[in-house]
């Protein structure tokens, strides 16, 4: 049952991505969308510790002719995994958004700095 749910979620994400592509400016490359101008510096967000959740920082998107800020949000923690933030990467003469992802916690040391 779980693999079917994952496939359905992937189809929904792919459909949502395809629906936004015509409104973006730039060119497609390697399955990602390339934006020619660099994103503005990330905005500072106030984050409150929320047990059982991880904060996914906001990011700049480029839905039309200018940059727009998409606020961060909480997602549920996943046992034995850590969240790796998404980022804008410079590739060639443009910039590509690399989505955040979950990865195994093995080998990662987490320290509480409170």
PDB file of N, CA and C in Angstrom:
ATOM      1  N   UNK A   1       0.817  -1.194   0.000  1.00  0.00           N
ATOM      2  CA  UNK A   1       0.000   0.000   0.000  1.00  0.00           C
ATOM      3  C   UNK A   1       0.867   1.267   0.000  1.00  0.00           C
ATOM      4  N   UNK A   2       1.954   1.256   0.766  1.00  0.00           N
ATOM      5  CA  UNK A   2       2.816   2.422   0.851  1.00  0.00           C
ATOM      6  C   UNK A   2       3.461   2.764  -0.502  1.00  0.00           C
ATOM      7  N   UNK A   3       4.007   1.774  -1.264  1.00  0.00           N
ATOM      8  CA  UNK A   3       4.587   2.112  -2.563  1.00  0.00           C
ATOM      9  C   UNK A   3       3.564   2.769  -3.496  1.00  0.00           C
ATOM     10  N   UNK A   4       2.307   2.328  -3.451  1.00  0.00           N
ATOM     11  CA  UNK A   4       1.275   2.926  -4.289  1.00  0.00           C
ATOM     12  C   UNK A   4       1.064   4.388  -3.905  1.00  0.00           C
ATOM     13  N   UNK A   5       1.088   4.683  -2.605  1.00  0.00           N
ATOM     14  CA  UNK A   5       0.930   6.055  -2.128  1.00  0.00           C
ATOM     15  C   UNK A   5       2.101   6.917  -2.616  1.00  0.00           C
ATOM     16  N   UNK A   6       3.330   6.355  -2.593  1.00  0.00           N
ATOM     17  CA  UNK A   6       4.507   7.089  -3.060  1.00  0.00           C
ATOM     18  C   UNK A   6       4.415   7.391  -4.552  1.00  0.00           C
ATOM     19  N   UNK A   7       3.940   6.435  -5.320  1.00  0.00           N
ATOM     20  CA  UNK A   7       3.777   6.647  -6.762  1.00  0.00           C
ATOM     21  C   UNK A   7       2.747   7.738  -7.022  1.00  0.00           C
ATOM     22  N   UNK A   8       1.625   7.691  -6.305  1.00  0.00           N
ATOM     23  CA  UNK A   8       0.584   8.698  -6.464  1.00  0.00           C
ATOM     24  C   UNK A   8       1.107  10.088  -6.107  1.00  0.00           C
ATOM     25  N   UNK A   9       1.881  10.186  -5.011  1.00  0.00           N
ATOM     26  CA  UNK A   9       2.454  11.474  -4.598  1.00  0.00           C
ATOM     27  C   UNK A   9       3.416  11.995  -5.664  1.00  0.00           C
ATOM     28  N   UNK A  10       4.209  11.108  -6.258  1.00  0.00           N
ATOM     29  CA  UNK A  10       5.145  11.514  -7.313  1.00  0.00           C
ATOM     30  C   UNK A  10       4.408  12.053  -8.526  1.00  0.00           C
ATOM     31  N   UNK A  11       3.309  11.416  -8.883  1.00  0.00           N
ATOM     32  CA  UNK A  11       2.513  11.868 -10.025  1.00  0.00           C
ATOM     33  C   UNK A  11       1.931  13.257  -9.752  1.00  0.00           C
ATOM     34  N   UNK A  12       1.447  13.472  -8.531  1.00  0.00           N
ATOM     35  CA  UNK A  12       0.908  14.786  -8.177  1.00  0.00           C
ATOM     36  C   UNK A  12       1.969  15.875  -8.243  1.00  0.00           C
ATOM     37  N   UNK A  13       3.158  15.590  -7.706  1.00  0.00           N
ATOM     38  CA  UNK A  13       4.250  16.569  -7.732  1.00  0.00           C
ATOM     39  C   UNK A  13       4.659  16.860  -9.168  1.00  0.00           C
ATOM     40  N   UNK A  14       4.783  15.828  -9.987  1.00  0.00           N
ATOM     41  CA  UNK A  14       5.165  16.024 -11.383  1.00  0.00           C
ATOM     42  C   UNK A  14       4.122  16.858 -12.123  1.00  0.00           C
ATOM     43  N   UNK A  15       2.854  16.584 -11.877  1.00  0.00           N
ATOM     44  CA  UNK A  15       1.792  17.362 -12.524  1.00  0.00           C
ATOM     45  C   UNK A  15       1.805  18.811 -12.098  1.00  0.00           C
ATOM     46  N   UNK A  16       2.033  19.062 -10.809  1.00  0.00           N
ATOM     47  CA  UNK A  16       2.092  20.442 -10.312  1.00  0.00           C
ATOM     48  C   UNK A  16       3.285  21.173 -10.904  1.00  0.00           C
ATOM     49  N   UNK A  17       4.405  20.471 -11.043  1.00  0.00           N
ATOM     50  CA  UNK A  17       5.598  21.080 -11.626  1.00  0.00           C
ATOM     51  C   UNK A  17       5.353  21.440 -13.084  1.00  0.00           C
ATOM     52  N   UNK A  18       4.768  20.533 -13.831  1.00  0.00           N
ATOM     53  CA  UNK A  18       4.501  20.808 -15.248  1.00  0.00           C
ATOM     54  C   UNK A  18       3.524  21.958 -15.421  1.00  0.00           C
ATOM     55  N   UNK A  19       2.599  22.115 -14.496  1.00  0.00           N
ATOM     56  CA  UNK A  19       1.617  23.190 -14.598  1.00  0.00           C
ATOM     57  C   UNK A  19       2.250  24.558 -14.403  1.00  0.00           C
ATOM     58  N   UNK A  20       3.392  24.632 -13.681  1.00  0.00           N
ATOM     59  CA  UNK A  20       4.020  25.926 -13.421  1.00  0.00           C
ATOM     60  C   UNK A  20       5.104  26.278 -14.433  1.00  0.00           C
ATOM     61  N   UNK A  21       5.618  25.331 -15.171  1.00  0.00           N
ATOM     62  CA  UNK A  21       6.735  25.580 -16.065  1.00  0.00           C
ATOM     63  C   UNK A  21       6.459  26.657 -17.111  1.00  0.00           C
ATOM     64  N   UNK A  22       5.300  26.694 -17.794  1.00  0.00           N
ATOM     65  CA  UNK A  22       5.113  27.722 -18.805  1.00  0.00           C
ATOM     66  C   UNK A  22       5.159  29.147 -18.256  1.00  0.00           C
ATOM     67  N   UNK A  23       4.853  29.341 -16.981  1.00  0.00           N
ATOM     68  CA  UNK A  23       4.851  30.687 -16.422  1.00  0.00           C
ATOM     69  C   UNK A  23       6.249  31.155 -16.040  1.00  0.00           C
ATOM     70  N   UNK A  24       7.230  30.260 -16.017  1.00  0.00           N
ATOM     71  CA  UNK A  24       8.578  30.632 -15.606  1.00  0.00           C
ATOM     72  C   UNK A  24       9.378  31.131 -16.794  1.00  0.00           C
ATOM     73  N   UNK A  25      10.402  31.931 -16.499  1.00  0.00           N
ATOM     74  CA  UNK A  25      11.279  32.382 -17.562  1.00  0.00           C
ATOM     75  C   UNK A  25      12.610  31.677 -17.432  1.00  0.00           C
ATOM     76  N   UNK A  26      13.262  31.386 -18.528  1.00  0.00           N
ATOM     77  CA  UNK A  26      14.532  30.680 -18.500  1.00  0.00           C
ATOM     78  C   UNK A  26      14.486  29.572 -19.525  1.00  0.00           C
ATOM     79  N   UNK A  27      15.299  28.546 -19.331  1.00  0.00           N
ATOM     80  CA  UNK A  27      15.286  27.427 -20.264  1.00  0.00           C
ATOM     81  C   UNK A  27      15.464  26.123 -19.509  1.00  0.00           C
ATOM     82  N   UNK A  28      14.944  25.050 -20.069  1.00  0.00           N
ATOM     83  CA  UNK A  28      15.036  23.750 -19.419  1.00  0.00           C
ATOM     84  C   UNK A  28      16.392  23.131 -19.692  1.00  0.00           C
ATOM     85  N   UNK A  29      16.953  22.460 -18.680  1.00  0.00           N
ATOM     86  CA  UNK A  29      18.231  21.768 -18.853  1.00  0.00           C
ATOM     87  C   UNK A  29      18.321  20.632 -17.852  1.00  0.00           C
ATOM     88  N   UNK A  30      18.672  19.443 -18.330  1.00  0.00           N
ATOM     89  CA  UNK A  30      18.872  18.275 -17.474  1.00  0.00           C
ATOM     90  C   UNK A  30      17.702  18.009 -16.542  1.00  0.00           C
ATOM     91  N   UNK A  31      16.474  18.165 -16.973  1.00  0.00           N
ATOM     92  CA  UNK A  31      15.314  17.881 -16.149  1.00  0.00           C
ATOM     93  C   UNK A  31      15.027  18.932 -15.095  1.00  0.00           C
ATOM     94  N   UNK A  32      15.806  20.011 -15.054  1.00  0.00           N
ATOM     95  CA  UNK A  32      15.597  21.088 -14.090  1.00  0.00           C
ATOM     96  C   UNK A  32      15.356  22.379 -14.857  1.00  0.00           C
ATOM     97  N   UNK A  33      14.828  23.359 -14.173  1.00  0.00           N
ATOM     98  CA  UNK A  33      14.561  24.629 -14.832  1.00  0.00           C
ATOM     99  C   UNK A  33      15.646  25.623 -14.481  1.00  0.00           C
ATOM    100  N   UNK A  34      16.252  26.239 -15.469  1.00  0.00           N
ATOM    101  CA  UNK A  34      17.362  27.167 -15.271  1.00  0.00           C
ATOM    102  C   UNK A  34      16.854  28.597 -15.356  1.00  0.00           C
ATOM    103  N   UNK A  35      17.202  29.400 -14.335  1.00  0.00           N
ATOM    104  CA  UNK A  35      16.865  30.818 -14.319  1.00  0.00           C
ATOM    105  C   UNK A  35      18.156  31.573 -14.568  1.00  0.00           C
ATOM    106  N   UNK A  36      18.122  32.531 -15.478  1.00  0.00           N
ATOM    107  CA  UNK A  36      19.350  33.231 -15.840  1.00  0.00           C
ATOM    108  C   UNK A  36      19.869  34.149 -14.742  1.00  0.00           C
ATOM    109  N   UNK A  37      18.998  34.950 -14.107  1.00  0.00           N
ATOM    110  CA  UNK A  37      19.487  35.875 -13.080  1.00  0.00           C
ATOM    111  C   UNK A  37      19.538  35.204 -11.714  1.00  0.00           C
ATOM    112  N   UNK A  38      20.503  35.633 -10.884  1.00  0.00           N
ATOM    113  CA  UNK A  38      20.707  35.038  -9.556  1.00  0.00           C
ATOM    114  C   UNK A  38      19.556  35.388  -8.619  1.00  0.00           C
ATOM    115  N   UNK A  39      19.190  34.469  -7.721  1.00  0.00           N
ATOM    116  CA  UNK A  39      18.142  34.781  -6.739  1.00  0.00           C
ATOM    117  C   UNK A  39      18.649  35.808  -5.732  1.00  0.00           C
ATOM    118  N   UNK A  40      17.743  36.606  -5.158  1.00  0.00           N
ATOM    119  CA  UNK A  40      18.149  37.545  -4.102  1.00  0.00           C
ATOM    120  C   UNK A  40      18.630  36.767  -2.872  1.00  0.00           C
ATOM    121  N   UNK A  41      19.286  37.448  -1.927  1.00  0.00           N
ATOM    122  CA  UNK A  41      19.696  36.760  -0.687  1.00  0.00           C
ATOM    123  C   UNK A  41      18.465  36.215   0.043  1.00  0.00           C
ATOM    124  N   UNK A  42      18.634  35.088   0.711  1.00  0.00           N
ATOM    125  CA  UNK A  42      17.518  34.481   1.453  1.00  0.00           C
ATOM    126  C   UNK A  42      17.027  35.434   2.542  1.00  0.00           C
ATOM    127  N   UNK A  43      15.742  35.412   2.797  1.00  0.00           N
ATOM    128  CA  UNK A  43      15.172  36.230   3.869  1.00  0.00           C
ATOM    129  C   UNK A  43      15.388  35.535   5.207  1.00  0.00           C
ATOM    130  N   UNK A  44      15.503  36.340   6.242  1.00  0.00           N
ATOM    131  CA  UNK A  44      15.630  35.790   7.584  1.00  0.00           C
ATOM    132  C   UNK A  44      14.249  35.414   8.086  1.00  0.00           C
ATOM    133  N   UNK A  45      14.124  34.228   8.657  1.00  0.00           N
ATOM    134  CA  UNK A  45      12.848  33.759   9.183  1.00  0.00           C
ATOM    135  C   UNK A  45      13.001  33.420  10.661  1.00  0.00           C
ATOM    136  N   UNK A  46      12.020  33.793  11.464  1.00  0.00           N
ATOM    137  CA  UNK A  46      12.019  33.452  12.882  1.00  0.00           C
ATOM    138  C   UNK A  46      11.414  32.061  13.014  1.00  0.00           C
ATOM    139  N   UNK A  47      12.182  31.162  13.613  1.00  0.00           N
ATOM    140  CA  UNK A  47      11.740  29.774  13.740  1.00  0.00           C
ATOM    141  C   UNK A  47      11.622  29.431  15.224  1.00  0.00           C
ATOM    142  N   UNK A  48      10.507  28.878  15.599  1.00  0.00           N
ATOM    143  CA  UNK A  48      10.255  28.448  16.971  1.00  0.00           C
ATOM    144  C   UNK A  48      10.376  26.930  17.015  1.00  0.00           C
ATOM    145  N   UNK A  49      11.116  26.433  18.011  1.00  0.00           N
ATOM    146  CA  UNK A  49      11.278  24.983  18.155  1.00  0.00           C
ATOM    147  C   UNK A  49       9.915  24.335  18.343  1.00  0.00           C
ATOM    148  N   UNK A  50       9.644  23.311  17.560  1.00  0.00           N
ATOM    149  CA  UNK A  50       8.375  22.604  17.616  1.00  0.00           C
ATOM    150  C   UNK A  50       8.685  21.105  17.670  1.00  0.00           C
ATOM    151  N   UNK A  51       8.554  20.483  18.849  1.00  0.00           N
ATOM    152  CA  UNK A  51       8.909  19.062  18.991  1.00  0.00           C
ATOM    153  C   UNK A  51       8.205  18.179  17.954  1.00  0.00           C
ATOM    154  N   UNK A  52       8.978  17.288  17.347  1.00  0.00           N
ATOM    155  CA  UNK A  52       8.420  16.353  16.373  1.00  0.00           C
ATOM    156  C   UNK A  52       8.367  16.900  14.957  1.00  0.00           C
ATOM    157  N   UNK A  53       8.869  18.146  14.751  1.00  0.00           N
ATOM    158  CA  UNK A  53       8.830  18.770  13.422  1.00  0.00           C
ATOM    159  C   UNK A  53      10.185  19.332  13.050  1.00  0.00           C
ATOM    160  N   UNK A  54      10.392  19.498  11.757  1.00  0.00           N
ATOM    161  CA  UNK A  54      11.598  20.107  11.208  1.00  0.00           C
ATOM    162  C   UNK A  54      11.162  21.327  10.409  1.00  0.00           C
ATOM    163  N   UNK A  55      11.912  22.418  10.514  1.00  0.00           N
ATOM    164  CA  UNK A  55      11.617  23.631   9.750  1.00  0.00           C
ATOM    165  C   UNK A  55      12.292  23.545   8.390  1.00  0.00           C
ATOM    166  N   UNK A  56      11.518  23.720   7.323  1.00  0.00           N
ATOM    167  CA  UNK A  56      12.049  23.796   5.959  1.00  0.00           C
ATOM    168  C   UNK A  56      12.065  25.281   5.614  1.00  0.00           C
ATOM    169  N   UNK A  57      13.265  25.839   5.448  1.00  0.00           N
ATOM    170  CA  UNK A  57      13.410  27.270   5.214  1.00  0.00           C
ATOM    171  C   UNK A  57      12.718  27.709   3.927  1.00  0.00           C
ATOM    172  N   UNK A  58      12.296  28.956   3.918  1.00  0.00           N
ATOM    173  CA  UNK A  58      11.686  29.521   2.724  1.00  0.00           C
ATOM    174  C   UNK A  58      12.703  29.658   1.609  1.00  0.00           C
ATOM    175  N   UNK A  59      12.219  29.990   0.424  1.00  0.00           N
ATOM    176  CA  UNK A  59      13.127  30.126  -0.720  1.00  0.00           C
ATOM    177  C   UNK A  59      12.542  31.080  -1.740  1.00  0.00           C
ATOM    178  N   UNK A  60      13.404  31.565  -2.588  1.00  0.00           N
ATOM    179  CA  UNK A  60      12.962  32.408  -3.694  1.00  0.00           C
ATOM    180  C   UNK A  60      12.509  31.514  -4.844  1.00  0.00           C
ATOM    181  N   UNK A  61      11.376  31.859  -5.441  1.00  0.00           N
ATOM    182  CA  UNK A  61      10.897  31.167  -6.636  1.00  0.00           C
ATOM    183  C   UNK A  61      10.840  32.197  -7.763  1.00  0.00           C
ATOM    184  N   UNK A  62      10.659  31.733  -8.961  1.00  0.00           N
ATOM    185  CA  UNK A  62      10.628  32.638 -10.118  1.00  0.00           C
ATOM    186  C   UNK A  62       9.419  32.266 -10.981  1.00  0.00           C
ATOM    187  N   UNK A  63       8.182  32.550 -10.483  1.00  0.00           N
ATOM    188  CA  UNK A  63       6.982  32.106 -11.184  1.00  0.00           C
ATOM    189  C   UNK A  63       6.609  32.933 -12.415  1.00  0.00           C
ATOM    190  N   UNK A  64       7.260  34.027 -12.637  1.00  0.00           N
ATOM    191  CA  UNK A  64       6.914  34.881 -13.784  1.00  0.00           C
ATOM    192  C   UNK A  64       8.116  35.689 -14.208  1.00  0.00           C
ATOM    193  N   UNK A  65       7.948  36.994 -14.200  1.00  0.00           N
ATOM    194  CA  UNK A  65       9.043  37.867 -14.628  1.00  0.00           C
ATOM    195  C   UNK A  65       9.919  38.359 -13.479  1.00  0.00           C
ATOM    196  N   UNK A  66       9.550  38.045 -12.254  1.00  0.00           N
ATOM    197  CA  UNK A  66      10.350  38.504 -11.113  1.00  0.00           C
ATOM    198  C   UNK A  66      10.360  37.457 -10.011  1.00  0.00           C
ATOM    199  N   UNK A  67      11.281  37.629  -9.072  1.00  0.00           N
ATOM    200  CA  UNK A  67      11.433  36.713  -7.962  1.00  0.00           C
ATOM    201  C   UNK A  67      10.316  36.908  -6.948  1.00  0.00           C
ATOM    202  N   UNK A  68       9.864  35.810  -6.321  1.00  0.00           N
ATOM    203  CA  UNK A  68       8.823  35.848  -5.288  1.00  0.00           C
ATOM    204  C   UNK A  68       9.273  34.965  -4.125  1.00  0.00           C
ATOM    205  N   UNK A  69       9.057  35.438  -2.890  1.00  0.00           N
ATOM    206  CA  UNK A  69       9.456  34.669  -1.713  1.00  0.00           C
ATOM    207  C   UNK A  69       8.376  33.665  -1.338  1.00  0.00           C
ATOM    208  N   UNK A  70       8.787  32.434  -1.116  1.00  0.00           N
ATOM    209  CA  UNK A  70       7.895  31.371  -0.650  1.00  0.00           C
ATOM    210  C   UNK A  70       8.310  31.077   0.789  1.00  0.00           C
ATOM    211  N   UNK A  71       7.424  31.362   1.748  1.00  0.00           N
ATOM    212  CA  UNK A  71       7.749  31.210   3.167  1.00  0.00           C
ATOM    213  C   UNK A  71       8.047  29.763   3.544  1.00  0.00           C
ATOM    214  N   UNK A  72       8.847  29.604   4.597  1.00  0.00           N
ATOM    215  CA  UNK A  72       9.177  28.281   5.107  1.00  0.00           C
ATOM    216  C   UNK A  72       7.981  27.642   5.806  1.00  0.00           C
ATOM    217  N   UNK A  73       8.138  26.388   6.165  1.00  0.00           N
ATOM    218  CA  UNK A  73       7.056  25.651   6.815  1.00  0.00           C
ATOM    219  C   UNK A  73       7.625  24.467   7.605  1.00  0.00           C
ATOM    220  N   UNK A  74       6.801  23.934   8.500  1.00  0.00           N
ATOM    221  CA  UNK A  74       7.190  22.761   9.285  1.00  0.00           C
ATOM    222  C   UNK A  74       6.771  21.487   8.558  1.00  0.00           C
ATOM    223  N   UNK A  75       7.607  20.455   8.699  1.00  0.00           N
ATOM    224  CA  UNK A  75       7.251  19.110   8.231  1.00  0.00           C
ATOM    225  C   UNK A  75       7.541  18.148   9.382  1.00  0.00           C
ATOM    226  N   UNK A  76       6.812  17.063   9.431  1.00  0.00           N
ATOM    227  CA  UNK A  76       7.021  16.072  10.492  1.00  0.00           C
ATOM    228  C   UNK A  76       8.400  15.440  10.375  1.00  0.00           C
ATOM    229  N   UNK A  77       9.027  15.239  11.531  1.00  0.00           N
ATOM    230  CA  UNK A  77      10.300  14.523  11.552  1.00  0.00           C
ATOM    231  C   UNK A  77      10.098  13.112  11.033  1.00  0.00           C
ATOM    232  N   UNK A  78      11.169  12.556  10.503  1.00  0.00           N
ATOM    233  CA  UNK A  78      11.160  11.155  10.077  1.00  0.00           C
ATOM    234  C   UNK A  78      12.186  10.409  10.911  1.00  0.00           C
ATOM    235  N   UNK A  79      11.792   9.289  11.494  1.00  0.00           N
ATOM    236  CA  UNK A  79      12.731   8.535  12.329  1.00  0.00           C
ATOM    237  C   UNK A  79      13.988   8.152  11.550  1.00  0.00           C
ATOM    238  N   UNK A  80      15.138   8.312  12.189  1.00  0.00           N
ATOM    239  CA  UNK A  80      16.445   7.921  11.634  1.00  0.00           C
ATOM    240  C   UNK A  80      16.807   8.665  10.347  1.00  0.00           C
ATOM    241  N   UNK A  81      16.204   9.856  10.120  1.00  0.00           N
ATOM    242  CA  UNK A  81      16.544  10.638   8.935  1.00  0.00           C
ATOM    243  C   UNK A  81      16.752  12.103   9.310  1.00  0.00           C
ATOM    244  N   UNK A  82      17.530  12.805   8.493  1.00  0.00           N
ATOM    245  CA  UNK A  82      17.722  14.242   8.643  1.00  0.00           C
ATOM    246  C   UNK A  82      17.315  14.916   7.342  1.00  0.00           C
ATOM    247  N   UNK A  83      16.851  16.156   7.452  1.00  0.00           N
ATOM    248  CA  UNK A  83      16.433  16.890   6.265  1.00  0.00           C
ATOM    249  C   UNK A  83      17.598  17.727   5.750  1.00  0.00           C
ATOM    250  N   UNK A  84      17.901  17.591   4.467  1.00  0.00           N
ATOM    251  CA  UNK A  84      18.941  18.372   3.809  1.00  0.00           C
ATOM    252  C   UNK A  84      18.220  19.484   3.050  1.00  0.00           C
ATOM    253  N   UNK A  85      18.517  20.750   3.404  1.00  0.00           N
ATOM    254  CA  UNK A  85      17.831  21.897   2.806  1.00  0.00           C
ATOM    255  C   UNK A  85      18.044  21.969   1.298  1.00  0.00           C
ATOM    256  N   UNK A  86      17.053  22.498   0.590  1.00  0.00           N
ATOM    257  CA  UNK A  86      17.177  22.762  -0.833  1.00  0.00           C
ATOM    258  C   UNK A  86      18.074  23.984  -1.030  1.00  0.00           C
ATOM    259  N   UNK A  87      18.521  24.206  -2.258  1.00  0.00           N
ATOM    260  CA  UNK A  87      19.421  25.336  -2.510  1.00  0.00           C
ATOM    261  C   UNK A  87      19.421  25.702  -3.991  1.00  0.00           C
ATOM    262  N   UNK A  88      19.768  26.941  -4.254  1.00  0.00           N
ATOM    263  CA  UNK A  88      19.994  27.389  -5.624  1.00  0.00           C
ATOM    264  C   UNK A  88      21.459  27.127  -5.951  1.00  0.00           C
ATOM    265  N   UNK A  89      21.723  26.510  -7.095  1.00  0.00           N
ATOM    266  CA  UNK A  89      23.094  26.242  -7.535  1.00  0.00           C
ATOM    267  C   UNK A  89      23.354  26.955  -8.852  1.00  0.00           C
ATOM    268  N   UNK A  90      24.538  27.485  -8.972  1.00  0.00           N
ATOM    269  CA  UNK A  90      24.960  28.092 -10.241  1.00  0.00           C
ATOM    270  C   UNK A  90      25.402  26.968 -11.166  1.00  0.00           C
ATOM    271  N   UNK A  91      24.818  26.915 -12.349  1.00  0.00           N
ATOM    272  CA  UNK A  91      25.191  25.913 -13.357  1.00  0.00           C
ATOM    273  C   UNK A  91      25.296  26.620 -14.696  1.00  0.00           C
ATOM    274  N   UNK A  92      26.516  26.652 -15.219  1.00  0.00           N
ATOM    275  CA  UNK A  92      26.728  27.353 -16.482  1.00  0.00           C
ATOM    276  C   UNK A  92      26.426  28.836 -16.306  1.00  0.00           C
ATOM    277  N   UNK A  93      25.564  29.360 -17.163  1.00  0.00           N
ATOM    278  CA  UNK A  93      25.226  30.786 -17.086  1.00  0.00           C
ATOM    279  C   UNK A  93      23.924  31.026 -16.332  1.00  0.00           C
ATOM    280  N   UNK A  94      23.385  29.992 -15.678  1.00  0.00           N
ATOM    281  CA  UNK A  94      22.115  30.142 -14.978  1.00  0.00           C
ATOM    282  C   UNK A  94      22.146  29.580 -13.569  1.00  0.00           C
ATOM    283  N   UNK A  95      20.971  29.549 -12.955  1.00  0.00           N
ATOM    284  CA  UNK A  95      20.800  29.033 -11.601  1.00  0.00           C
ATOM    285  C   UNK A  95      19.690  27.982 -11.609  1.00  0.00           C
ATOM    286  N   UNK A  96      19.909  26.889 -10.872  1.00  0.00           N
ATOM    287  CA  UNK A  96      18.971  25.776 -10.821  1.00  0.00           C
ATOM    288  C   UNK A  96      18.615  25.502  -9.362  1.00  0.00           C
ATOM    289  N   UNK A  97      17.319  25.308  -9.069  1.00  0.00           N
ATOM    290  CA  UNK A  97      16.904  24.953  -7.723  1.00  0.00           C
ATOM    291  C   UNK A  97      17.063  23.450  -7.530  1.00  0.00           C
ATOM    292  N   UNK A  98      17.754  23.059  -6.458  1.00  0.00           N
ATOM    293  CA  UNK A  98      17.920  21.655  -6.089  1.00  0.00           C
ATOM    294  C   UNK A  98      17.034  21.437  -4.867  1.00  0.00           C
ATOM    295  N   UNK A  99      16.012  20.592  -5.003  1.00  0.00           N
ATOM    296  CA  UNK A  99      15.063  20.351  -3.912  1.00  0.00           C
ATOM    297  C   UNK A  99      15.739  19.779  -2.680  1.00  0.00           C
ATOM    298  N   UNK A 100      15.179  20.115  -1.515  1.00  0.00           N
ATOM    299  CA  UNK A 100      15.610  19.505  -0.272  1.00  0.00           C
ATOM    300  C   UNK A 100      15.177  18.045  -0.266  1.00  0.00           C
ATOM    301  N   UNK A 101      15.792  17.264   0.613  1.00  0.00           N
ATOM    302  CA  UNK A 101      15.462  15.842   0.644  1.00  0.00           C
ATOM    303  C   UNK A 101      15.774  15.276   2.018  1.00  0.00           C
ATOM    304  N   UNK A 102      15.218  14.123   2.294  1.00  0.00           N
ATOM    305  CA  UNK A 102      15.517  13.384   3.512  1.00  0.00           C
ATOM    306  C   UNK A 102      16.629  12.400   3.207  1.00  0.00           C
ATOM    307  N   UNK A 103      17.533  12.214   4.178  1.00  0.00           N
ATOM    308  CA  UNK A 103      18.574  11.192   4.009  1.00  0.00           C
ATOM    309  C   UNK A 103      18.805  10.491   5.342  1.00  0.00           C
ATOM    310  N   UNK A 104      19.422   9.340   5.285  1.00  0.00           N
ATOM    311  CA  UNK A 104      19.673   8.530   6.468  1.00  0.00           C
ATOM    312  C   UNK A 104      20.533   9.287   7.468  1.00  0.00           C
ATOM    313  N   UNK A 105      20.230   9.126   8.730  1.00  0.00           N
ATOM    314  CA  UNK A 105      20.967   9.805   9.789  1.00  0.00           C
ATOM    315  C   UNK A 105      22.285   9.103  10.114  1.00  0.00           C
ATOM    316  N   UNK A 106      22.509   7.916   9.584  1.00  0.00           N
ATOM    317  CA  UNK A 106      23.723   7.164   9.919  1.00  0.00           C
ATOM    318  C   UNK A 106      24.965   8.004   9.635  1.00  0.00           C
ATOM    319  N   UNK A 107      25.845   8.063  10.620  1.00  0.00           N
ATOM    320  CA  UNK A 107      27.081   8.829  10.467  1.00  0.00           C
ATOM    321  C   UNK A 107      26.929  10.310  10.749  1.00  0.00           C
ATOM    322  N   UNK A 108      25.718  10.783  11.053  1.00  0.00           N
ATOM    323  CA  UNK A 108      25.488  12.197  11.337  1.00  0.00           C
ATOM    324  C   UNK A 108      25.397  12.380  12.842  1.00  0.00           C
ATOM    325  N   UNK A 109      26.150  13.337  13.362  1.00  0.00           N
ATOM    326  CA  UNK A 109      26.121  13.640  14.789  1.00  0.00           C
ATOM    327  C   UNK A 109      25.260  14.875  14.973  1.00  0.00           C
ATOM    328  N   UNK A 110      24.224  14.762  15.811  1.00  0.00           N
ATOM    329  CA  UNK A 110      23.342  15.895  16.062  1.00  0.00           C
ATOM    330  C   UNK A 110      23.581  16.359  17.497  1.00  0.00           C
ATOM    331  N   UNK A 111      23.915  17.649  17.627  1.00  0.00           N
ATOM    332  CA  UNK A 111      24.188  18.219  18.942  1.00  0.00           C
ATOM    333  C   UNK A 111      23.109  19.234  19.267  1.00  0.00           C
ATOM    334  N   UNK A 112      22.677  19.209  20.508  1.00  0.00           N
ATOM    335  CA  UNK A 112      21.687  20.175  20.989  1.00  0.00           C
ATOM    336  C   UNK A 112      22.433  21.386  21.535  1.00  0.00           C
ATOM    337  N   UNK A 113      22.293  22.540  20.890  1.00  0.00           N
ATOM    338  CA  UNK A 113      23.034  23.748  21.267  1.00  0.00           C
ATOM    339  C   UNK A 113      22.193  24.697  22.117  1.00  0.00           C
ATOM    340  N   UNK A 114      21.133  24.200  22.703  1.00  0.00           N
ATOM    341  CA  UNK A 114      20.309  25.078  23.541  1.00  0.00           C
ATOM    342  C   UNK A 114      20.939  25.321  24.875  1.00  0.00           C
TER     343      UNK A 114
END
